[in-house]
Amino acid sequence: MKRNLLCRVLTVSLLPALILLLSACGGSSSSSNSDADAESEAAAEATETDVPPIDPITITYASNDAPGALRYDLLEQKFADLMAEKTNGLITVEIYPSGSLSKPGQLLDAIKNGTADTGMDSYTRYAGQYPYFDLLTAPGWKFSTFEDFTDTANDFIKEFPDAGTDQYKVIVMCDAGQFGLVSTKPIRTITDIKGKSIRNTAQFIPFFDKLSASSVDVSSGEMYEALRLNTIDAVNTNNHAIPTFHLDEVCVSFTALPIEHTDFAIFMSQSLYDSLAETLQAQIDEVCEEMKQIALDYLYAATQDAIDTTLASNPDFEFLELSDEDINSLAETAQSILESKAADLDGKGLRGTDAFEWLKARQSE
């Protein structure tokens, strides 16, 4: 009896302490969870603060083409669309067509002084300013496909950057098309070039001098009339120029010269690119990767369109190709000129011989 009473007394006396102990444990757990939640919220707020939102921007693009032109629609507009797609609308490319923002041969200066952010031009329009590139686009290198020259040109400007090219990011660089001679009489062999009076630009004059042809400086707008009046016998240009300037009306053939190549490129201000968030830079780099195939697709479409349009206008017009023997002979004729250009680069403290050997190894078989 006494024992049972004692047990009851102990139970009653210890019960409040037990309740207090359990309450204390429960309170500690609740406090710990609250602290963890607070820390998690603080971390989330800090993360949001560390990554500020990116504001949309509009960049200007200088085009020399008009809407509806193949290059405008198949290349330049696709570039603008791809930039918007890849950046989720954060970058809008505003195209200024028809030379309204910058003329051919003026784009790089326009980018430098802030008149344009991006645009299309050609390094070959800046003869003498970029010596390595002058070597690349001198006649004599054999590249049998647009892809061969395009891959080589893009790798070359990374391996042998000219002074000043670090001011421009090249979005894409591509072959400018199939070059050759549009002539009033068919040129079927290299011997047919001898004695011809040919409209040429500066980088081709030494080469045609070696072929015993005379070079004449005639503007694009004067080519048609000069051919019609027999002031010149031929024009050295790409086949896109035939329908553009209606040369099929005064000429009978186009002879491809696969040892001649020039470029076109979409340039972007390097300082603008560097000022962008890393996320946008990575997205622009993705654009660069995809633009190469877009540029090649445009080039093949434009080449075929030039042929189709010309033949529709003049079914008797001939598109001619030289024999492999003649092509090799033309390349050999140009070697001494290329070697001289490389030596000039060496004399300026540049890697002329290295560039010459690098290009020689990259030629098509």
Protein backbone atom coordinates (compact mmCIF):
# COMPACT_ATOMS: atom_id res chain seq x y z
CA MET A 1 0.00 0.00 0.00
CA LYS A 2 2.79 2.39 0.93
CA ARG A 3 4.64 1.45 -2.19
CA ASN A 4 1.73 2.35 -4.46
CA LEU A 5 1.29 5.65 -2.73
CA LEU A 6 4.94 6.51 -3.23
CA CYS A 7 4.76 5.80 -6.93
CA ARG A 8 1.74 8.07 -7.26
CA VAL A 9 3.52 10.90 -5.44
CA LEU A 10 6.60 10.62 -7.66
CA THR A 11 4.53 10.56 -10.82
CA VAL A 12 2.58 13.65 -9.87
CA SER A 13 5.69 15.56 -8.83
CA LEU A 14 7.73 14.76 -11.95
CA LEU A 15 4.95 15.40 -14.52
CA PRO A 16 5.38 19.21 -14.72
CA ALA A 17 9.10 18.82 -15.29
CA LEU A 18 8.54 16.32 -18.05
CA ILE A 19 6.06 18.65 -19.75
CA LEU A 20 8.54 21.54 -19.57
CA LEU A 21 11.28 19.37 -21.05
CA LEU A 22 9.15 18.29 -24.01
CA SER A 23 8.06 21.88 -24.62
CA ALA A 24 11.63 23.02 -24.63
CA CYS A 25 12.59 20.37 -27.21
CA GLY A 26 9.69 21.27 -29.43
CA GLY A 27 10.53 24.98 -29.26
CA SER A 28 14.14 24.34 -30.22
CA SER A 29 13.08 22.43 -33.36
CA SER A 30 10.68 25.16 -34.40
CA SER A 31 13.32 27.83 -33.93
CA SER A 32 15.85 25.85 -35.95
CA ASN A 33 13.45 25.45 -38.88
CA SER A 34 12.65 29.15 -38.85
CA ASP A 35 16.35 30.02 -38.95
CA ALA A 36 16.90 27.68 -41.92
CA ASP A 37 13.97 29.19 -43.80
CA ALA A 38 15.31 32.67 -43.18
CA GLU A 39 18.76 31.69 -44.41
CA SER A 40 17.27 30.12 -47.56
CA GLU A 41 15.24 33.25 -48.33
CA ALA A 42 18.29 35.43 -47.79
CA ALA A 43 20.36 33.27 -50.15
CA ALA A 44 17.67 33.47 -52.81
CA GLU A 45 17.51 37.24 -52.46
CA ALA A 46 21.30 37.46 -52.72
CA THR A 47 21.30 35.32 -55.88
CA GLU A 48 18.66 37.50 -57.49
CA THR A 49 20.70 40.57 -56.59
CA ASP A 50 23.94 39.09 -58.01
CA VAL A 51 22.37 38.46 -61.48
CA PRO A 52 20.71 41.68 -62.63
CA PRO A 53 18.22 41.51 -65.50
CA ILE A 54 19.58 42.20 -69.01
CA ASP A 55 17.95 45.13 -70.75
CA PRO A 56 16.99 44.72 -74.44
CA ILE A 57 19.12 46.66 -76.92
CA THR A 58 18.86 47.64 -80.59
CA ILE A 59 21.97 47.59 -82.75
CA THR A 60 22.37 49.19 -86.17
CA TYR A 61 23.29 47.20 -89.28
CA ALA A 62 24.66 48.82 -92.46
CA SER A 63 23.55 47.06 -95.66
CA ASN A 64 24.29 47.93 -99.27
CA ASP A 65 21.36 45.88 -100.52
CA ALA A 66 17.66 46.64 -100.75
CA PRO A 67 14.87 44.47 -99.31
CA GLY A 68 13.98 41.88 -101.93
CA ALA A 69 17.57 41.39 -103.06
CA LEU A 70 18.80 37.83 -102.56
CA ARG A 71 21.63 38.78 -100.22
CA TYR A 72 19.35 41.00 -98.15
CA ASP A 73 16.65 38.34 -97.81
CA LEU A 74 18.73 35.15 -97.61
CA LEU A 75 21.65 36.44 -95.55
CA GLU A 76 21.22 39.80 -93.86
CA GLN A 77 17.60 39.43 -92.77
CA LYS A 78 18.35 35.89 -91.61
CA PHE A 79 21.18 37.28 -89.47
CA ALA A 80 18.79 39.76 -87.86
CA ASP A 81 16.19 37.03 -87.27
CA LEU A 82 18.76 34.64 -85.82
CA MET A 83 20.09 37.29 -83.42
CA ALA A 84 16.58 37.89 -82.10
CA GLU A 85 15.94 34.15 -81.80
CA LYS A 86 19.20 33.23 -80.06
CA THR A 87 19.04 36.15 -77.59
CA ASN A 88 15.33 35.62 -76.84
CA GLY A 89 14.55 39.06 -78.21
CA LEU A 90 17.15 40.88 -76.11
CA ILE A 91 19.04 42.05 -79.23
CA THR A 92 17.21 43.62 -82.14
CA VAL A 93 19.18 44.21 -85.34
CA GLU A 94 17.89 47.28 -87.17
CA ILE A 95 18.93 47.07 -90.83
CA TYR A 96 19.64 50.27 -92.76
CA PRO A 97 19.39 49.22 -96.44
CA SER A 98 20.77 50.51 -99.74
CA GLY A 99 23.91 52.13 -98.35
CA SER A 100 21.90 54.59 -96.24
CA LEU A 101 24.19 54.14 -93.23
CA SER A 102 27.51 53.21 -94.83
CA LYS A 103 28.85 52.69 -98.37
CA PRO A 104 31.03 49.76 -99.58
CA GLY A 105 34.57 50.22 -98.34
CA GLN A 106 33.43 52.53 -95.52
CA LEU A 107 31.89 50.10 -93.03
CA LEU A 108 34.96 49.42 -90.90
CA ASP A 109 35.48 53.14 -90.36
CA ALA A 110 31.76 53.52 -89.61
CA ILE A 111 32.02 50.83 -86.93
CA LYS A 112 35.16 52.43 -85.55
CA ASN A 113 33.54 55.87 -85.17
CA GLY A 114 30.23 54.50 -83.91
CA THR A 115 28.08 55.26 -86.95
CA ALA A 116 27.19 51.56 -87.28
CA ASP A 117 27.34 48.61 -84.90
CA THR A 118 27.35 45.85 -87.51
CA GLY A 119 27.17 45.46 -91.27
CA MET A 120 28.48 43.78 -94.39
CA ASP A 121 31.63 44.65 -96.29
CA SER A 122 34.75 43.04 -97.75
CA TYR A 123 38.37 43.20 -96.61
CA THR A 124 39.34 43.36 -100.29
CA ARG A 125 37.84 46.86 -100.42
CA TYR A 126 40.58 47.99 -98.03
CA ALA A 127 43.61 47.14 -100.19
CA GLY A 128 46.88 47.95 -98.45
CA GLN A 129 45.38 48.25 -94.98
CA TYR A 130 45.40 44.54 -94.16
CA PRO A 131 48.58 42.99 -95.66
CA TYR A 132 47.91 39.41 -94.56
CA PHE A 133 44.49 39.51 -96.14
CA ASP A 134 45.93 41.02 -99.31
CA LEU A 135 48.04 37.87 -99.58
CA LEU A 136 45.01 35.61 -99.09
CA THR A 137 42.95 37.32 -101.82
CA ALA A 138 45.73 37.70 -104.37
CA PRO A 139 45.07 35.48 -107.42
CA GLY A 140 46.90 32.18 -107.51
CA TRP A 141 45.45 30.10 -104.66
CA LYS A 142 43.48 27.08 -105.80
CA PHE A 143 40.24 26.55 -103.85
CA SER A 144 37.81 24.44 -105.79
CA THR A 145 34.71 25.00 -103.65
CA PHE A 146 33.14 27.88 -101.73
CA GLU A 147 33.53 25.81 -98.55
CA ASP A 148 37.29 25.39 -99.11
CA PHE A 149 37.93 29.12 -99.35
CA THR A 150 35.45 29.98 -96.57
CA ASP A 151 37.02 27.53 -94.10
CA THR A 152 40.51 28.70 -95.05
CA ALA A 153 39.66 32.41 -94.74
CA ASN A 154 38.06 32.01 -91.30
CA ASP A 155 41.02 30.03 -89.99
CA PHE A 156 43.54 32.35 -91.65
CA ILE A 157 42.32 35.54 -89.95
CA LYS A 158 42.71 33.80 -86.57
CA GLU A 159 46.17 32.45 -87.37
CA PHE A 160 47.43 35.67 -89.01
CA PRO A 161 45.50 38.64 -87.61
CA ASP A 162 46.27 41.98 -89.23
CA ALA A 163 46.83 45.08 -87.11
CA GLY A 164 43.48 46.69 -86.38
CA THR A 165 41.33 43.64 -86.97
CA ASP A 166 40.93 43.28 -83.20
CA GLN A 167 38.47 46.20 -83.39
CA TYR A 168 35.98 44.02 -85.27
CA LYS A 169 34.32 40.74 -84.46
CA VAL A 170 33.72 38.72 -87.61
CA ILE A 171 30.26 37.22 -87.39
CA VAL A 172 30.79 35.29 -90.63
CA MET A 173 33.18 35.42 -93.56
CA CYS A 174 32.49 33.69 -96.85
CA ASP A 175 33.69 33.39 -100.43
CA ALA A 176 32.21 36.22 -102.52
CA GLY A 177 31.23 33.97 -105.41
CA GLN A 178 32.62 32.46 -108.59
CA PHE A 179 35.06 34.86 -110.22
CA GLY A 180 36.09 34.94 -113.84
CA LEU A 181 36.01 36.84 -117.12
CA VAL A 182 32.82 38.11 -118.73
CA SER A 183 33.89 38.74 -122.31
CA THR A 184 32.72 39.87 -125.73
CA LYS A 185 34.44 36.84 -127.30
CA PRO A 186 34.65 33.36 -125.72
CA ILE A 187 37.75 32.67 -123.59
CA ARG A 188 38.17 28.91 -123.76
CA THR A 189 41.90 28.61 -122.96
CA ILE A 190 44.45 30.80 -121.18
CA THR A 191 45.99 31.71 -124.54
CA ASP A 192 42.72 33.52 -125.34
CA ILE A 193 43.48 35.96 -122.49
CA LYS A 194 46.62 37.27 -124.17
CA GLY A 195 46.23 40.74 -125.62
CA LYS A 196 42.79 41.32 -124.09
CA SER A 197 41.86 44.67 -122.53
CA ILE A 198 40.30 43.75 -119.18
CA ARG A 199 38.54 45.78 -116.52
CA ASN A 200 40.37 44.89 -113.32
CA THR A 201 40.70 46.01 -109.72
CA ALA A 202 44.09 46.67 -108.17
CA GLN A 203 44.82 43.25 -106.63
CA PHE A 204 44.46 41.49 -110.01
CA ILE A 205 46.57 43.80 -112.20
CA PRO A 206 50.02 42.20 -111.61
CA PHE A 207 48.58 38.76 -112.39
CA PHE A 208 47.01 39.78 -115.70
CA ASP A 209 50.16 41.66 -116.64
CA LYS A 210 51.92 38.30 -116.51
CA LEU A 211 49.28 36.88 -118.85
CA SER A 212 50.06 39.65 -121.38
CA ALA A 213 46.67 41.28 -120.91
CA SER A 214 46.19 44.99 -120.28
CA SER A 215 44.17 46.16 -117.27
CA VAL A 216 41.81 49.11 -117.43
CA ASP A 217 40.24 51.00 -114.52
CA VAL A 218 36.52 51.19 -115.22
CA SER A 219 33.82 51.80 -112.61
CA SER A 220 31.00 49.28 -112.14
CA GLY A 221 28.50 51.69 -113.64
CA GLU A 222 30.62 52.15 -116.78
CA MET A 223 31.28 48.45 -117.52
CA TYR A 224 28.26 47.93 -119.78
CA GLU A 225 29.00 50.91 -122.02
CA ALA A 226 32.74 50.13 -122.19
CA LEU A 227 31.97 46.59 -123.37
CA ARG A 228 29.33 47.79 -125.83
CA LEU A 229 31.75 50.26 -127.39
CA ASN A 230 34.60 47.70 -127.39
CA THR A 231 36.69 49.98 -125.18
CA ILE A 232 37.40 46.84 -123.20
CA ASP A 233 37.17 43.16 -124.16
CA ALA A 234 36.25 41.66 -120.81
CA VAL A 235 35.42 42.32 -117.17
CA ASN A 236 37.02 40.42 -114.31
CA THR A 237 34.18 39.97 -111.81
CA ASN A 238 31.94 37.36 -110.22
CA ASN A 239 29.04 35.86 -112.11
CA HIS A 240 26.49 37.66 -109.91
CA ALA A 241 27.45 40.85 -111.77
CA ILE A 242 26.25 39.48 -115.13
CA PRO A 243 22.49 39.90 -114.52
CA THR A 244 22.99 42.80 -112.11
CA PHE A 245 24.65 44.96 -114.79
CA HIS A 246 22.98 43.21 -117.77
CA LEU A 247 26.38 42.20 -119.13
CA ASP A 248 24.78 39.32 -121.05
CA GLU A 249 23.46 41.92 -123.48
CA VAL A 250 26.97 42.95 -124.56
CA CYS A 251 28.98 39.78 -123.79
CA VAL A 252 28.80 36.18 -124.98
CA SER A 253 30.44 34.16 -122.21
CA PHE A 254 31.74 33.86 -118.65
CA THR A 255 34.97 31.88 -118.04
CA ALA A 256 35.46 30.77 -114.44
CA LEU A 257 38.90 31.33 -112.88
CA PRO A 258 39.11 29.16 -109.75
CA ILE A 259 42.40 30.78 -108.72
CA GLU A 260 40.58 34.05 -107.92
CA HIS A 261 38.73 34.61 -104.64
CA THR A 262 37.50 37.54 -102.62
CA ASP A 263 35.45 37.75 -99.46
CA PHE A 264 32.33 39.19 -97.98
CA ALA A 265 31.86 39.39 -94.23
CA ILE A 266 29.45 40.55 -91.56
CA PHE A 267 31.42 42.59 -89.04
CA MET A 268 30.45 43.67 -85.52
CA SER A 269 32.03 46.23 -83.23
CA GLN A 270 34.36 44.31 -80.89
CA SER A 271 33.94 46.93 -78.16
CA LEU A 272 30.16 46.51 -78.36
CA TYR A 273 30.50 42.73 -78.11
CA ASP A 274 32.88 43.05 -75.14
CA SER A 275 30.42 45.35 -73.32
CA LEU A 276 27.63 42.77 -73.40
CA ALA A 277 26.80 40.30 -70.66
CA GLU A 278 28.52 36.93 -70.95
CA THR A 279 25.15 35.30 -71.63
CA LEU A 280 24.61 37.50 -74.69
CA GLN A 281 28.20 36.97 -75.87
CA ALA A 282 27.67 33.21 -75.75
CA GLN A 283 24.44 33.56 -77.72
CA ILE A 284 26.16 35.73 -80.36
CA ASP A 285 28.86 33.08 -80.64
CA GLU A 286 26.09 30.58 -81.42
CA VAL A 287 24.87 32.93 -84.14
CA CYS A 288 28.38 32.97 -85.63
CA GLU A 289 28.42 29.18 -85.83
CA GLU A 290 25.08 28.99 -87.64
CA MET A 291 25.73 31.92 -89.97
CA LYS A 292 28.47 30.07 -91.84
CA GLN A 293 26.03 27.57 -93.34
CA ILE A 294 23.47 30.31 -93.95
CA ALA A 295 26.12 32.26 -95.87
CA LEU A 296 27.06 29.23 -97.97
CA ASP A 297 23.41 28.47 -98.70
CA TYR A 298 22.94 32.05 -99.87
CA LEU A 299 26.08 31.85 -102.02
CA TYR A 300 24.99 28.71 -103.87
CA ALA A 301 21.48 30.14 -104.34
CA ALA A 302 22.87 33.42 -105.69
CA THR A 303 25.26 31.62 -108.04
CA GLN A 304 22.50 29.46 -109.49
CA ASP A 305 20.17 32.45 -109.72
CA ALA A 306 22.82 34.36 -111.71
CA ILE A 307 23.12 31.48 -114.18
CA ASP A 308 19.35 30.99 -114.51
CA THR A 309 18.65 34.71 -114.91
CA THR A 310 21.41 35.15 -117.48
CA LEU A 311 20.30 32.19 -119.60
CA ALA A 312 16.68 33.31 -119.43
CA SER A 313 17.78 36.66 -120.84
CA ASN A 314 20.28 35.27 -123.34
CA PRO A 315 19.97 31.51 -124.04
CA ASP A 316 23.12 31.61 -126.19
CA PHE A 317 25.31 32.89 -123.37
CA GLU A 318 28.03 30.37 -122.39
CA PHE A 319 29.39 29.51 -118.95
CA LEU A 320 32.85 28.10 -119.60
CA GLU A 321 35.46 26.26 -117.54
CA LEU A 322 39.18 25.95 -118.21
CA SER A 323 40.99 22.61 -118.31
CA ASP A 324 42.84 21.40 -115.21
CA GLU A 325 46.07 21.93 -117.13
CA ASP A 326 45.22 25.58 -117.76
CA ILE A 327 44.19 26.11 -114.12
CA ASN A 328 47.49 24.67 -112.91
CA SER A 329 49.33 26.87 -115.37
CA LEU A 330 47.53 29.96 -114.05
CA ALA A 331 48.43 29.02 -110.48
CA GLU A 332 52.09 28.56 -111.43
CA THR A 333 52.08 31.93 -113.18
CA ALA A 334 50.89 33.58 -109.97
CA GLN A 335 53.43 31.90 -107.67
CA SER A 336 56.15 34.48 -108.12
CA ILE A 337 53.66 37.26 -107.29
CA LEU A 338 52.54 35.45 -104.14
CA GLU A 339 56.14 34.83 -103.09
CA SER A 340 56.91 38.51 -103.61
CA LYS A 341 53.96 39.52 -101.44
CA ALA A 342 55.15 37.14 -98.73
CA ALA A 343 58.66 38.62 -98.89
CA ASP A 344 57.18 42.12 -98.54
CA LEU A 345 55.41 40.99 -95.38
CA ASP A 346 58.65 39.56 -94.03
CA GLY A 347 60.31 42.91 -94.70
CA LYS A 348 57.66 44.62 -92.56
CA GLY A 349 58.38 42.31 -89.65
CA LEU A 350 55.31 40.16 -90.33
CA ARG A 351 55.09 36.38 -90.82
CA GLY A 352 54.89 36.51 -94.61
CA THR A 353 56.69 33.26 -95.38
CA ASP A 354 54.74 31.44 -92.65
CA ALA A 355 51.46 32.74 -94.10
CA PHE A 356 52.50 31.75 -97.64
CA GLU A 357 53.36 28.19 -96.60
CA TRP A 358 50.20 27.92 -94.49
CA LEU A 359 48.02 28.89 -97.45
CA LYS A 360 49.95 26.69 -99.85
CA ALA A 361 49.23 23.69 -97.64
CA ARG A 362 45.51 24.52 -97.43
CA GLN A 363 44.87 24.63 -101.20
CA SER A 364 42.41 22.23 -102.77
CA GLU A 365 43.84 19.11 -104.34
